[in-house]
Amino acid sequence: MTNAANVGSELIYENDTVAIWNFVLEVGEETAIHTHDRNYVWYAVQGSSLQVFDSENNDVGTLEVPTNCVYVLKIEDGFLEVVSEVSKGARVPVTHKAKNVGASPYREILVEFK
């Protein structure tokens, strides 16, 4: 992953096959712009609404992330596509940033596949 430090708040485990991140985004907080180059999954410990922006700061939509759900994402043609049941078919550019526009802090555990 490019700009790997921006993937999560804290790298909690890494080996030859995965990198596991804790990720917290407070209400109104946004990530730095970053690029994904690995497929990954995340588990939403505490859900919220995440507004996503592309590399030119264009709003590409808002994901309503429920608490206790799992998202599975694969990279295809410069986009991350959600292939899990929750938000299935949603696509965002691999290079993006996200802002918590919900009413509560957001927390996920993210697993990148190497």
PDB file of N, CA and C in Angstrom:
ATOM      1  N   MET A   1       0.844  -1.173   0.000  1.00  0.00           N
ATOM      2  CA  MET A   1       0.000   0.000   0.000  1.00  0.00           C
ATOM      3  C   MET A   1       0.886   1.231   0.000  1.00  0.00           C
ATOM      4  N   THR A   2       0.621   2.158  -0.836  1.00  0.00           N
ATOM      5  CA  THR A   2       1.329   3.423  -0.844  1.00  0.00           C
ATOM      6  C   THR A   2       0.867   4.245   0.347  1.00  0.00           C
ATOM      7  N   ASN A   3       1.784   4.985   0.954  1.00  0.00           N
ATOM      8  CA  ASN A   3       1.436   5.770   2.137  1.00  0.00           C
ATOM      9  C   ASN A   3       0.796   4.887   3.201  1.00  0.00           C
ATOM     10  N   ALA A   4       1.435   3.745   3.466  1.00  0.00           N
ATOM     11  CA  ALA A   4       0.849   2.742   4.362  1.00  0.00           C
ATOM     12  C   ALA A   4       0.498   3.304   5.730  1.00  0.00           C
ATOM     13  N   ALA A   5       1.208   4.312   6.182  1.00  0.00           N
ATOM     14  CA  ALA A   5       0.909   4.884   7.494  1.00  0.00           C
ATOM     15  C   ALA A   5      -0.489   5.491   7.533  1.00  0.00           C
ATOM     16  N   ASN A   6      -1.057   5.774   6.378  1.00  0.00           N
ATOM     17  CA  ASN A   6      -2.383   6.381   6.327  1.00  0.00           C
ATOM     18  C   ASN A   6      -3.524   5.367   6.295  1.00  0.00           C
ATOM     19  N   VAL A   7      -3.196   4.084   6.257  1.00  0.00           N
ATOM     20  CA  VAL A   7      -4.223   3.051   6.166  1.00  0.00           C
ATOM     21  C   VAL A   7      -5.000   2.934   7.457  1.00  0.00           C
ATOM     22  N   GLY A   8      -4.331   3.089   8.558  1.00  0.00           N
ATOM     23  CA  GLY A   8      -4.994   2.956   9.842  1.00  0.00           C
ATOM     24  C   GLY A   8      -4.326   3.819  10.879  1.00  0.00           C
ATOM     25  N   SER A   9      -4.923   3.822  12.045  1.00  0.00           N
ATOM     26  CA  SER A   9      -4.359   4.594  13.146  1.00  0.00           C
ATOM     27  C   SER A   9      -3.159   3.890  13.755  1.00  0.00           C
ATOM     28  N   GLU A  10      -3.183   2.544  13.722  1.00  0.00           N
ATOM     29  CA  GLU A  10      -2.118   1.772  14.352  1.00  0.00           C
ATOM     30  C   GLU A  10      -1.999   0.408  13.680  1.00  0.00           C
ATOM     31  N   LEU A  11      -0.782   0.062  13.247  1.00  0.00           N
ATOM     32  CA  LEU A  11      -0.516  -1.276  12.737  1.00  0.00           C
ATOM     33  C   LEU A  11      -0.418  -2.198  13.943  1.00  0.00           C
ATOM     34  N   ILE A  12      -1.320  -3.181  14.039  1.00  0.00           N
ATOM     35  CA  ILE A  12      -1.333  -4.023  15.238  1.00  0.00           C
ATOM     36  C   ILE A  12      -0.739  -5.402  15.008  1.00  0.00           C
ATOM     37  N   TYR A  13      -0.565  -5.813  13.741  1.00  0.00           N
ATOM     38  CA  TYR A  13       0.059  -7.104  13.453  1.00  0.00           C
ATOM     39  C   TYR A  13       0.446  -7.125  11.992  1.00  0.00           C
ATOM     40  N   GLU A  14       1.595  -7.761  11.702  1.00  0.00           N
ATOM     41  CA  GLU A  14       2.009  -7.916  10.312  1.00  0.00           C
ATOM     42  C   GLU A  14       2.863  -9.160  10.183  1.00  0.00           C
ATOM     43  N   ASN A  15       2.636  -9.900   9.090  1.00  0.00           N
ATOM     44  CA  ASN A  15       3.505 -11.016   8.745  1.00  0.00           C
ATOM     45  C   ASN A  15       3.650 -11.046   7.227  1.00  0.00           C
ATOM     46  N   ASP A  16       4.064 -12.183   6.670  1.00  0.00           N
ATOM     47  CA  ASP A  16       4.297 -12.265   5.227  1.00  0.00           C
ATOM     48  C   ASP A  16       3.023 -12.246   4.390  1.00  0.00           C
ATOM     49  N   THR A  17       1.880 -12.480   5.014  1.00  0.00           N
ATOM     50  CA  THR A  17       0.644 -12.570   4.233  1.00  0.00           C
ATOM     51  C   THR A  17      -0.380 -11.483   4.514  1.00  0.00           C
ATOM     52  N   VAL A  18      -0.336 -10.868   5.706  1.00  0.00           N
ATOM     53  CA  VAL A  18      -1.320  -9.844   6.051  1.00  0.00           C
ATOM     54  C   VAL A  18      -0.693  -8.704   6.843  1.00  0.00           C
ATOM     55  N   ALA A  19      -1.363  -7.562   6.802  1.00  0.00           N
ATOM     56  CA  ALA A  19      -1.098  -6.439   7.715  1.00  0.00           C
ATOM     57  C   ALA A  19      -2.449  -6.089   8.330  1.00  0.00           C
ATOM     58  N   ILE A  20      -2.495  -6.009   9.660  1.00  0.00           N
ATOM     59  CA  ILE A  20      -3.751  -5.751  10.364  1.00  0.00           C
ATOM     60  C   ILE A  20      -3.657  -4.406  11.066  1.00  0.00           C
ATOM     61  N   TRP A  21      -4.648  -3.569  10.806  1.00  0.00           N
ATOM     62  CA  TRP A  21      -4.664  -2.197  11.312  1.00  0.00           C
ATOM     63  C   TRP A  21      -5.880  -1.938  12.192  1.00  0.00           C
ATOM     64  N   ASN A  22      -5.681  -1.167  13.235  1.00  0.00           N
ATOM     65  CA  ASN A  22      -6.771  -0.541  13.975  1.00  0.00           C
ATOM     66  C   ASN A  22      -6.956   0.833  13.340  1.00  0.00           C
ATOM     67  N   PHE A  23      -8.185   1.222  13.116  1.00  0.00           N
ATOM     68  CA  PHE A  23      -8.440   2.503  12.460  1.00  0.00           C
ATOM     69  C   PHE A  23      -9.569   3.223  13.178  1.00  0.00           C
ATOM     70  N   VAL A  24      -9.304   4.452  13.597  1.00  0.00           N
ATOM     71  CA  VAL A  24     -10.300   5.272  14.287  1.00  0.00           C
ATOM     72  C   VAL A  24     -10.400   6.610  13.570  1.00  0.00           C
ATOM     73  N   LEU A  25     -11.624   7.065  13.331  1.00  0.00           N
ATOM     74  CA  LEU A  25     -11.866   8.360  12.705  1.00  0.00           C
ATOM     75  C   LEU A  25     -12.952   9.061  13.515  1.00  0.00           C
ATOM     76  N   GLU A  26     -12.563  10.106  14.203  1.00  0.00           N
ATOM     77  CA  GLU A  26     -13.511  10.856  15.034  1.00  0.00           C
ATOM     78  C   GLU A  26     -14.495  11.628  14.149  1.00  0.00           C
ATOM     79  N   VAL A  27     -15.599  12.041  14.706  1.00  0.00           N
ATOM     80  CA  VAL A  27     -16.597  12.827  13.975  1.00  0.00           C
ATOM     81  C   VAL A  27     -15.926  14.073  13.396  1.00  0.00           C
ATOM     82  N   GLY A  28     -16.097  14.300  12.095  1.00  0.00           N
ATOM     83  CA  GLY A  28     -15.516  15.461  11.424  1.00  0.00           C
ATOM     84  C   GLY A  28     -14.078  15.278  10.982  1.00  0.00           C
ATOM     85  N   GLU A  29     -13.424  14.230  11.425  1.00  0.00           N
ATOM     86  CA  GLU A  29     -12.026  13.981  11.063  1.00  0.00           C
ATOM     87  C   GLU A  29     -11.958  13.310   9.698  1.00  0.00           C
ATOM     88  N   GLU A  30     -10.870  13.577   8.946  1.00  0.00           N
ATOM     89  CA  GLU A  30     -10.682  12.916   7.663  1.00  0.00           C
ATOM     90  C   GLU A  30      -9.288  12.326   7.571  1.00  0.00           C
ATOM     91  N   THR A  31      -9.152  11.313   6.745  1.00  0.00           N
ATOM     92  CA  THR A  31      -7.854  10.688   6.522  1.00  0.00           C
ATOM     93  C   THR A  31      -7.035  11.558   5.578  1.00  0.00           C
ATOM     94  N   ALA A  32      -5.754  11.281   5.524  1.00  0.00           N
ATOM     95  CA  ALA A  32      -4.921  11.847   4.466  1.00  0.00           C
ATOM     96  C   ALA A  32      -5.253  11.086   3.182  1.00  0.00           C
ATOM     97  N   ILE A  33      -4.950  11.683   2.048  1.00  0.00           N
ATOM     98  CA  ILE A  33      -5.155  10.972   0.792  1.00  0.00           C
ATOM     99  C   ILE A  33      -4.173   9.800   0.758  1.00  0.00           C
ATOM    100  N   HIS A  34      -4.642   8.655   0.287  1.00  0.00           N
ATOM    101  CA  HIS A  34      -3.812   7.459   0.255  1.00  0.00           C
ATOM    102  C   HIS A  34      -4.250   6.574  -0.907  1.00  0.00           C
ATOM    103  N   THR A  35      -3.385   5.628  -1.269  1.00  0.00           N
ATOM    104  CA  THR A  35      -3.648   4.732  -2.389  1.00  0.00           C
ATOM    105  C   THR A  35      -3.568   3.286  -1.923  1.00  0.00           C
ATOM    106  N   HIS A  36      -4.594   2.526  -2.241  1.00  0.00           N
ATOM    107  CA  HIS A  36      -4.599   1.096  -1.935  1.00  0.00           C
ATOM    108  C   HIS A  36      -4.047   0.327  -3.132  1.00  0.00           C
ATOM    109  N   ASP A  37      -3.132  -0.615  -2.860  1.00  0.00           N
ATOM    110  CA  ASP A  37      -2.665  -1.490  -3.932  1.00  0.00           C
ATOM    111  C   ASP A  37      -2.798  -2.958  -3.544  1.00  0.00           C
ATOM    112  N   ARG A  38      -3.562  -3.219  -2.478  1.00  0.00           N
ATOM    113  CA  ARG A  38      -3.833  -4.585  -2.026  1.00  0.00           C
ATOM    114  C   ARG A  38      -5.331  -4.756  -1.767  1.00  0.00           C
ATOM    115  N   ASN A  39      -5.832  -5.935  -2.057  1.00  0.00           N
ATOM    116  CA  ASN A  39      -7.200  -6.266  -1.659  1.00  0.00           C
ATOM    117  C   ASN A  39      -7.257  -6.311  -0.146  1.00  0.00           C
ATOM    118  N   TYR A  40      -8.415  -6.030   0.422  1.00  0.00           N
ATOM    119  CA  TYR A  40      -8.517  -6.038   1.879  1.00  0.00           C
ATOM    120  C   TYR A  40      -9.950  -6.241   2.337  1.00  0.00           C
ATOM    121  N   VAL A  41     -10.075  -6.520   3.633  1.00  0.00           N
ATOM    122  CA  VAL A  41     -11.378  -6.606   4.291  1.00  0.00           C
ATOM    123  C   VAL A  41     -11.326  -5.710   5.514  1.00  0.00           C
ATOM    124  N   TRP A  42     -12.504  -5.259   5.952  1.00  0.00           N
ATOM    125  CA  TRP A  42     -12.550  -4.570   7.234  1.00  0.00           C
ATOM    126  C   TRP A  42     -13.798  -4.966   7.991  1.00  0.00           C
ATOM    127  N   TYR A  43     -13.667  -4.922   9.316  1.00  0.00           N
ATOM    128  CA  TYR A  43     -14.776  -5.170  10.232  1.00  0.00           C
ATOM    129  C   TYR A  43     -15.066  -3.857  10.944  1.00  0.00           C
ATOM    130  N   ALA A  44     -16.299  -3.372  10.861  1.00  0.00           N
ATOM    131  CA  ALA A  44     -16.680  -2.110  11.499  1.00  0.00           C
ATOM    132  C   ALA A  44     -17.051  -2.372  12.956  1.00  0.00           C
ATOM    133  N   VAL A  45     -16.149  -2.022  13.857  1.00  0.00           N
ATOM    134  CA  VAL A  45     -16.386  -2.164  15.293  1.00  0.00           C
ATOM    135  C   VAL A  45     -17.450  -1.165  15.727  1.00  0.00           C
ATOM    136  N   GLN A  46     -17.349   0.063  15.199  1.00  0.00           N
ATOM    137  CA  GLN A  46     -18.354   1.102  15.435  1.00  0.00           C
ATOM    138  C   GLN A  46     -18.588   1.816  14.114  1.00  0.00           C
ATOM    139  N   GLY A  47     -19.773   1.678  13.564  1.00  0.00           N
ATOM    140  CA  GLY A  47     -20.077   2.247  12.263  1.00  0.00           C
ATOM    141  C   GLY A  47     -20.365   3.739  12.305  1.00  0.00           C
ATOM    142  N   SER A  48     -20.382   4.336  11.118  1.00  0.00           N
ATOM    143  CA  SER A  48     -20.713   5.745  10.950  1.00  0.00           C
ATOM    144  C   SER A  48     -20.904   5.996   9.453  1.00  0.00           C
ATOM    145  N   SER A  49     -21.007   7.240   9.062  1.00  0.00           N
ATOM    146  CA  SER A  49     -21.129   7.632   7.653  1.00  0.00           C
ATOM    147  C   SER A  49     -19.786   8.171   7.187  1.00  0.00           C
ATOM    148  N   LEU A  50     -19.243   7.573   6.126  1.00  0.00           N
ATOM    149  CA  LEU A  50     -17.936   7.976   5.610  1.00  0.00           C
ATOM    150  C   LEU A  50     -18.092   8.573   4.220  1.00  0.00           C
ATOM    151  N   GLN A  51     -17.774   9.851   4.106  1.00  0.00           N
ATOM    152  CA  GLN A  51     -17.816  10.547   2.824  1.00  0.00           C
ATOM    153  C   GLN A  51     -16.452  10.365   2.170  1.00  0.00           C
ATOM    154  N   VAL A  52     -16.435   9.949   0.906  1.00  0.00           N
ATOM    155  CA  VAL A  52     -15.197   9.625   0.205  1.00  0.00           C
ATOM    156  C   VAL A  52     -14.928  10.666  -0.876  1.00  0.00           C
ATOM    157  N   PHE A  53     -13.657  11.068  -0.982  1.00  0.00           N
ATOM    158  CA  PHE A  53     -13.208  12.056  -1.964  1.00  0.00           C
ATOM    159  C   PHE A  53     -12.086  11.454  -2.795  1.00  0.00           C
ATOM    160  N   ASP A  54     -12.056  11.759  -4.098  1.00  0.00           N
ATOM    161  CA  ASP A  54     -10.979  11.261  -4.951  1.00  0.00           C
ATOM    162  C   ASP A  54      -9.732  12.128  -4.800  1.00  0.00           C
ATOM    163  N   SER A  55      -8.714  11.847  -5.606  1.00  0.00           N
ATOM    164  CA  SER A  55      -7.427  12.539  -5.486  1.00  0.00           C
ATOM    165  C   SER A  55      -7.510  14.023  -5.827  1.00  0.00           C
ATOM    166  N   GLU A  56      -8.592  14.449  -6.493  1.00  0.00           N
ATOM    167  CA  GLU A  56      -8.783  15.863  -6.827  1.00  0.00           C
ATOM    168  C   GLU A  56      -9.807  16.520  -5.914  1.00  0.00           C
ATOM    169  N   ASN A  57     -10.121  15.845  -4.813  1.00  0.00           N
ATOM    170  CA  ASN A  57     -11.043  16.330  -3.784  1.00  0.00           C
ATOM    171  C   ASN A  57     -12.501  16.387  -4.249  1.00  0.00           C
ATOM    172  N   ASN A  58     -12.832  15.609  -5.291  1.00  0.00           N
ATOM    173  CA  ASN A  58     -14.226  15.500  -5.726  1.00  0.00           C
ATOM    174  C   ASN A  58     -14.953  14.504  -4.831  1.00  0.00           C
ATOM    175  N   ASP A  59     -16.148  14.851  -4.400  1.00  0.00           N
ATOM    176  CA  ASP A  59     -16.975  13.964  -3.589  1.00  0.00           C
ATOM    177  C   ASP A  59     -17.446  12.805  -4.468  1.00  0.00           C
ATOM    178  N   VAL A  60     -17.100  11.574  -4.083  1.00  0.00           N
ATOM    179  CA  VAL A  60     -17.515  10.411  -4.872  1.00  0.00           C
ATOM    180  C   VAL A  60     -18.586   9.584  -4.163  1.00  0.00           C
ATOM    181  N   GLY A  61     -19.100  10.109  -3.059  1.00  0.00           N
ATOM    182  CA  GLY A  61     -20.206   9.440  -2.391  1.00  0.00           C
ATOM    183  C   GLY A  61     -19.951   9.176  -0.922  1.00  0.00           C
ATOM    184  N   THR A  62     -21.001   8.756  -0.247  1.00  0.00           N
ATOM    185  CA  THR A  62     -20.934   8.472   1.182  1.00  0.00           C
ATOM    186  C   THR A  62     -21.331   7.025   1.422  1.00  0.00           C
ATOM    187  N   LEU A  63     -20.502   6.325   2.188  1.00  0.00           N
ATOM    188  CA  LEU A  63     -20.808   4.956   2.595  1.00  0.00           C
ATOM    189  C   LEU A  63     -21.429   4.989   3.980  1.00  0.00           C
ATOM    190  N   GLU A  64     -22.595   4.411   4.108  1.00  0.00           N
ATOM    191  CA  GLU A  64     -23.227   4.245   5.416  1.00  0.00           C
ATOM    192  C   GLU A  64     -22.741   2.907   5.957  1.00  0.00           C
ATOM    193  N   VAL A  65     -21.827   2.953   6.909  1.00  0.00           N
ATOM    194  CA  VAL A  65     -21.199   1.732   7.413  1.00  0.00           C
ATOM    195  C   VAL A  65     -21.857   1.324   8.726  1.00  0.00           C
ATOM    196  N   PRO A  66     -22.605   0.221   8.730  1.00  0.00           N
ATOM    197  CA  PRO A  66     -23.238  -0.236   9.969  1.00  0.00           C
ATOM    198  C   PRO A  66     -22.218  -0.843  10.936  1.00  0.00           C
ATOM    199  N   THR A  67     -22.497  -0.726  12.219  1.00  0.00           N
ATOM    200  CA  THR A  67     -21.686  -1.393  13.232  1.00  0.00           C
ATOM    201  C   THR A  67     -21.796  -2.905  13.036  1.00  0.00           C
ATOM    202  N   ASN A  68     -20.692  -3.601  13.293  1.00  0.00           N
ATOM    203  CA  ASN A  68     -20.620  -5.075  13.237  1.00  0.00           C
ATOM    204  C   ASN A  68     -20.807  -5.656  11.845  1.00  0.00           C
ATOM    205  N   CYS A  69     -20.394  -4.932  10.818  1.00  0.00           N
ATOM    206  CA  CYS A  69     -20.475  -5.486   9.471  1.00  0.00           C
ATOM    207  C   CYS A  69     -19.067  -5.707   8.922  1.00  0.00           C
ATOM    208  N   VAL A  70     -18.983  -6.560   7.918  1.00  0.00           N
ATOM    209  CA  VAL A  70     -17.713  -6.866   7.264  1.00  0.00           C
ATOM    210  C   VAL A  70     -17.801  -6.406   5.814  1.00  0.00           C
ATOM    211  N   TYR A  71     -16.786  -5.673   5.384  1.00  0.00           N
ATOM    212  CA  TYR A  71     -16.662  -5.250   3.993  1.00  0.00           C
ATOM    213  C   TYR A  71     -15.500  -6.009   3.367  1.00  0.00           C
ATOM    214  N   VAL A  72     -15.697  -6.506   2.155  1.00  0.00           N
ATOM    215  CA  VAL A  72     -14.645  -7.158   1.387  1.00  0.00           C
ATOM    216  C   VAL A  72     -14.459  -6.327   0.129  1.00  0.00           C
ATOM    217  N   LEU A  73     -13.211  -5.887  -0.119  1.00  0.00           N
ATOM    218  CA  LEU A  73     -12.934  -5.023  -1.263  1.00  0.00           C
ATOM    219  C   LEU A  73     -11.841  -5.614  -2.134  1.00  0.00           C
ATOM    220  N   LYS A  74     -12.042  -5.498  -3.446  1.00  0.00           N
ATOM    221  CA  LYS A  74     -11.019  -5.939  -4.390  1.00  0.00           C
ATOM    222  C   LYS A  74     -10.680  -4.781  -5.318  1.00  0.00           C
ATOM    223  N   ILE A  75      -9.453  -4.777  -5.789  1.00  0.00           N
ATOM    224  CA  ILE A  75      -8.990  -3.736  -6.709  1.00  0.00           C
ATOM    225  C   ILE A  75      -9.276  -4.179  -8.135  1.00  0.00           C
ATOM    226  N   GLU A  76      -9.877  -3.271  -8.901  1.00  0.00           N
ATOM    227  CA  GLU A  76     -10.181  -3.560 -10.295  1.00  0.00           C
ATOM    228  C   GLU A  76     -10.200  -2.264 -11.096  1.00  0.00           C
ATOM    229  N   ASP A  77      -9.317  -2.164 -12.084  1.00  0.00           N
ATOM    230  CA  ASP A  77      -9.288  -1.020 -13.005  1.00  0.00           C
ATOM    231  C   ASP A  77      -9.202   0.327 -12.297  1.00  0.00           C
ATOM    232  N   GLY A  78      -8.341   0.429 -11.273  1.00  0.00           N
ATOM    233  CA  GLY A  78      -8.151   1.699 -10.579  1.00  0.00           C
ATOM    234  C   GLY A  78      -9.208   2.028  -9.546  1.00  0.00           C
ATOM    235  N   PHE A  79     -10.085   1.074  -9.270  1.00  0.00           N
ATOM    236  CA  PHE A  79     -11.136   1.270  -8.269  1.00  0.00           C
ATOM    237  C   PHE A  79     -11.110   0.147  -7.242  1.00  0.00           C
ATOM    238  N   LEU A  80     -11.604   0.471  -6.051  1.00  0.00           N
ATOM    239  CA  LEU A  80     -11.907  -0.531  -5.040  1.00  0.00           C
ATOM    240  C   LEU A  80     -13.377  -0.850  -5.181  1.00  0.00           C
ATOM    241  N   GLU A  81     -13.695  -2.117  -5.377  1.00  0.00           N
ATOM    242  CA  GLU A  81     -15.094  -2.520  -5.496  1.00  0.00           C
ATOM    243  C   GLU A  81     -15.481  -3.366  -4.295  1.00  0.00           C
ATOM    244  N   VAL A  82     -16.611  -3.017  -3.689  1.00  0.00           N
ATOM    245  CA  VAL A  82     -17.123  -3.793  -2.564  1.00  0.00           C
ATOM    246  C   VAL A  82     -17.768  -5.058  -3.127  1.00  0.00           C
ATOM    247  N   VAL A  83     -17.298  -6.228  -2.660  1.00  0.00           N
ATOM    248  CA  VAL A  83     -17.844  -7.497  -3.133  1.00  0.00           C
ATOM    249  C   VAL A  83     -18.610  -8.241  -2.035  1.00  0.00           C
ATOM    250  N   SER A  84     -18.625  -7.694  -0.830  1.00  0.00           N
ATOM    251  CA  SER A  84     -19.417  -8.270   0.258  1.00  0.00           C
ATOM    252  C   SER A  84     -20.875  -7.857   0.093  1.00  0.00           C
ATOM    253  N   GLU A  85     -21.761  -8.482   0.856  1.00  0.00           N
ATOM    254  CA  GLU A  85     -23.188  -8.168   0.745  1.00  0.00           C
ATOM    255  C   GLU A  85     -23.508  -6.724   1.136  1.00  0.00           C
ATOM    256  N   VAL A  86     -22.864  -6.229   2.189  1.00  0.00           N
ATOM    257  CA  VAL A  86     -23.100  -4.848   2.624  1.00  0.00           C
ATOM    258  C   VAL A  86     -22.460  -3.910   1.601  1.00  0.00           C
ATOM    259  N   SER A  87     -23.252  -3.060   0.988  1.00  0.00           N
ATOM    260  CA  SER A  87     -22.796  -2.083  -0.022  1.00  0.00           C
ATOM    261  C   SER A  87     -22.235  -2.733  -1.278  1.00  0.00           C
ATOM    262  N   LYS A  88     -22.640  -3.951  -1.577  1.00  0.00           N
ATOM    263  CA  LYS A  88     -22.127  -4.679  -2.744  1.00  0.00           C
ATOM    264  C   LYS A  88     -22.236  -3.831  -4.003  1.00  0.00           C
ATOM    265  N   GLY A  89     -21.128  -3.780  -4.755  1.00  0.00           N
ATOM    266  CA  GLY A  89     -21.091  -3.040  -6.004  1.00  0.00           C
ATOM    267  C   GLY A  89     -20.618  -1.603  -5.874  1.00  0.00           C
ATOM    268  N   ALA A  90     -20.549  -1.080  -4.657  1.00  0.00           N
ATOM    269  CA  ALA A  90     -20.033   0.287  -4.476  1.00  0.00           C
ATOM    270  C   ALA A  90     -18.582   0.325  -4.945  1.00  0.00           C
ATOM    271  N   ARG A  91     -18.200   1.426  -5.587  1.00  0.00           N
ATOM    272  CA  ARG A  91     -16.825   1.578  -6.094  1.00  0.00           C
ATOM    273  C   ARG A  91     -16.296   2.947  -5.719  1.00  0.00           C
ATOM    274  N   VAL A  92     -15.041   2.965  -5.298  1.00  0.00           N
ATOM    275  CA  VAL A  92     -14.342   4.226  -5.030  1.00  0.00           C
ATOM    276  C   VAL A  92     -12.954   4.120  -5.646  1.00  0.00           C
ATOM    277  N   PRO A  93     -12.353   5.239  -6.042  1.00  0.00           N
ATOM    278  CA  PRO A  93     -11.006   5.197  -6.602  1.00  0.00           C
ATOM    279  C   PRO A  93     -10.010   4.633  -5.586  1.00  0.00           C
ATOM    280  N   VAL A  94      -8.976   3.933  -6.080  1.00  0.00           N
ATOM    281  CA  VAL A  94      -7.963   3.396  -5.164  1.00  0.00           C
ATOM    282  C   VAL A  94      -7.230   4.516  -4.436  1.00  0.00           C
ATOM    283  N   THR A  95      -7.140   5.683  -5.059  1.00  0.00           N
ATOM    284  CA  THR A  95      -6.550   6.853  -4.404  1.00  0.00           C
ATOM    285  C   THR A  95      -7.690   7.738  -3.932  1.00  0.00           C
ATOM    286  N   HIS A  96      -7.767   7.919  -2.622  1.00  0.00           N
ATOM    287  CA  HIS A  96      -8.896   8.650  -2.039  1.00  0.00           C
ATOM    288  C   HIS A  96      -8.587   9.076  -0.611  1.00  0.00           C
ATOM    289  N   LYS A  97      -9.534   9.791  -0.033  1.00  0.00           N
ATOM    290  CA  LYS A  97      -9.533  10.071   1.402  1.00  0.00           C
ATOM    291  C   LYS A  97     -10.970   9.936   1.871  1.00  0.00           C
ATOM    292  N   ALA A  98     -11.140   9.774   3.184  1.00  0.00           N
ATOM    293  CA  ALA A  98     -12.486   9.612   3.740  1.00  0.00           C
ATOM    294  C   ALA A  98     -12.661  10.537   4.927  1.00  0.00           C
ATOM    295  N   LYS A  99     -13.880  11.029   5.094  1.00  0.00           N
ATOM    296  CA  LYS A  99     -14.225  11.908   6.212  1.00  0.00           C
ATOM    297  C   LYS A  99     -15.408  11.308   6.960  1.00  0.00           C
ATOM    298  N   ASN A 100     -15.318  11.304   8.284  1.00  0.00           N
ATOM    299  CA  ASN A 100     -16.431  10.835   9.105  1.00  0.00           C
ATOM    300  C   ASN A 100     -17.459  11.955   9.198  1.00  0.00           C
ATOM    301  N   VAL A 101     -18.567  11.792   8.485  1.00  0.00           N
ATOM    302  CA  VAL A 101     -19.639  12.791   8.498  1.00  0.00           C
ATOM    303  C   VAL A 101     -20.829  12.308   9.325  1.00  0.00           C
ATOM    304  N   GLY A 102     -20.626  11.235  10.064  1.00  0.00           N
ATOM    305  CA  GLY A 102     -21.681  10.693  10.907  1.00  0.00           C
ATOM    306  C   GLY A 102     -21.733  11.365  12.261  1.00  0.00           C
ATOM    307  N   ALA A 103     -22.588  10.831  13.122  1.00  0.00           N
ATOM    308  CA  ALA A 103     -22.809  11.407  14.458  1.00  0.00           C
ATOM    309  C   ALA A 103     -21.981  10.736  15.544  1.00  0.00           C
ATOM    310  N   SER A 104     -21.210   9.699  15.171  1.00  0.00           N
ATOM    311  CA  SER A 104     -20.414   8.990  16.177  1.00  0.00           C
ATOM    312  C   SER A 104     -19.025   8.682  15.636  1.00  0.00           C
ATOM    313  N   PRO A 105     -18.061   8.465  16.530  1.00  0.00           N
ATOM    314  CA  PRO A 105     -16.726   8.055  16.078  1.00  0.00           C
ATOM    315  C   PRO A 105     -16.828   6.753  15.278  1.00  0.00           C
ATOM    316  N   TYR A 106     -15.905   6.566  14.348  1.00  0.00           N
ATOM    317  CA  TYR A 106     -15.867   5.372  13.516  1.00  0.00           C
ATOM    318  C   TYR A 106     -14.643   4.554  13.899  1.00  0.00           C
ATOM    319  N   ARG A 107     -14.807   3.230  13.988  1.00  0.00           N
ATOM    320  CA  ARG A 107     -13.661   2.364  14.273  1.00  0.00           C
ATOM    321  C   ARG A 107     -13.793   1.091  13.461  1.00  0.00           C
ATOM    322  N   GLU A 108     -12.684   0.699  12.844  1.00  0.00           N
ATOM    323  CA  GLU A 108     -12.642  -0.549  12.090  1.00  0.00           C
ATOM    324  C   GLU A 108     -11.334  -1.279  12.353  1.00  0.00           C
ATOM    325  N   ILE A 109     -11.361  -2.572  12.091  1.00  0.00           N
ATOM    326  CA  ILE A 109     -10.153  -3.387  12.017  1.00  0.00           C
ATOM    327  C   ILE A 109     -10.016  -3.758  10.548  1.00  0.00           C
ATOM    328  N   LEU A 110      -8.879  -3.394   9.945  1.00  0.00           N
ATOM    329  CA  LEU A 110      -8.656  -3.580   8.517  1.00  0.00           C
ATOM    330  C   LEU A 110      -7.562  -4.619   8.320  1.00  0.00           C
ATOM    331  N   VAL A 111      -7.793  -5.566   7.418  1.00  0.00           N
ATOM    332  CA  VAL A 111      -6.815  -6.607   7.106  1.00  0.00           C
ATOM    333  C   VAL A 111      -6.460  -6.505   5.630  1.00  0.00           C
ATOM    334  N   GLU A 112      -5.194  -6.148   5.361  1.00  0.00           N
ATOM    335  CA  GLU A 112      -4.685  -6.096   3.991  1.00  0.00           C
ATOM    336  C   GLU A 112      -4.052  -7.437   3.658  1.00  0.00           C
ATOM    337  N   PHE A 113      -4.301  -7.928   2.446  1.00  0.00           N
ATOM    338  CA  PHE A 113      -3.695  -9.172   1.979  1.00  0.00           C
ATOM    339  C   PHE A 113      -2.475  -8.844   1.135  1.00  0.00           C
ATOM    340  N   LYS A 114      -1.342  -9.421   1.501  1.00  0.00           N
ATOM    341  CA  LYS A 114      -0.100  -9.150   0.762  1.00  0.00           C
ATOM    342  C   LYS A 114       0.038 -10.075  -0.431  1.00  0.00           C
TER     343      LYS A 114
END
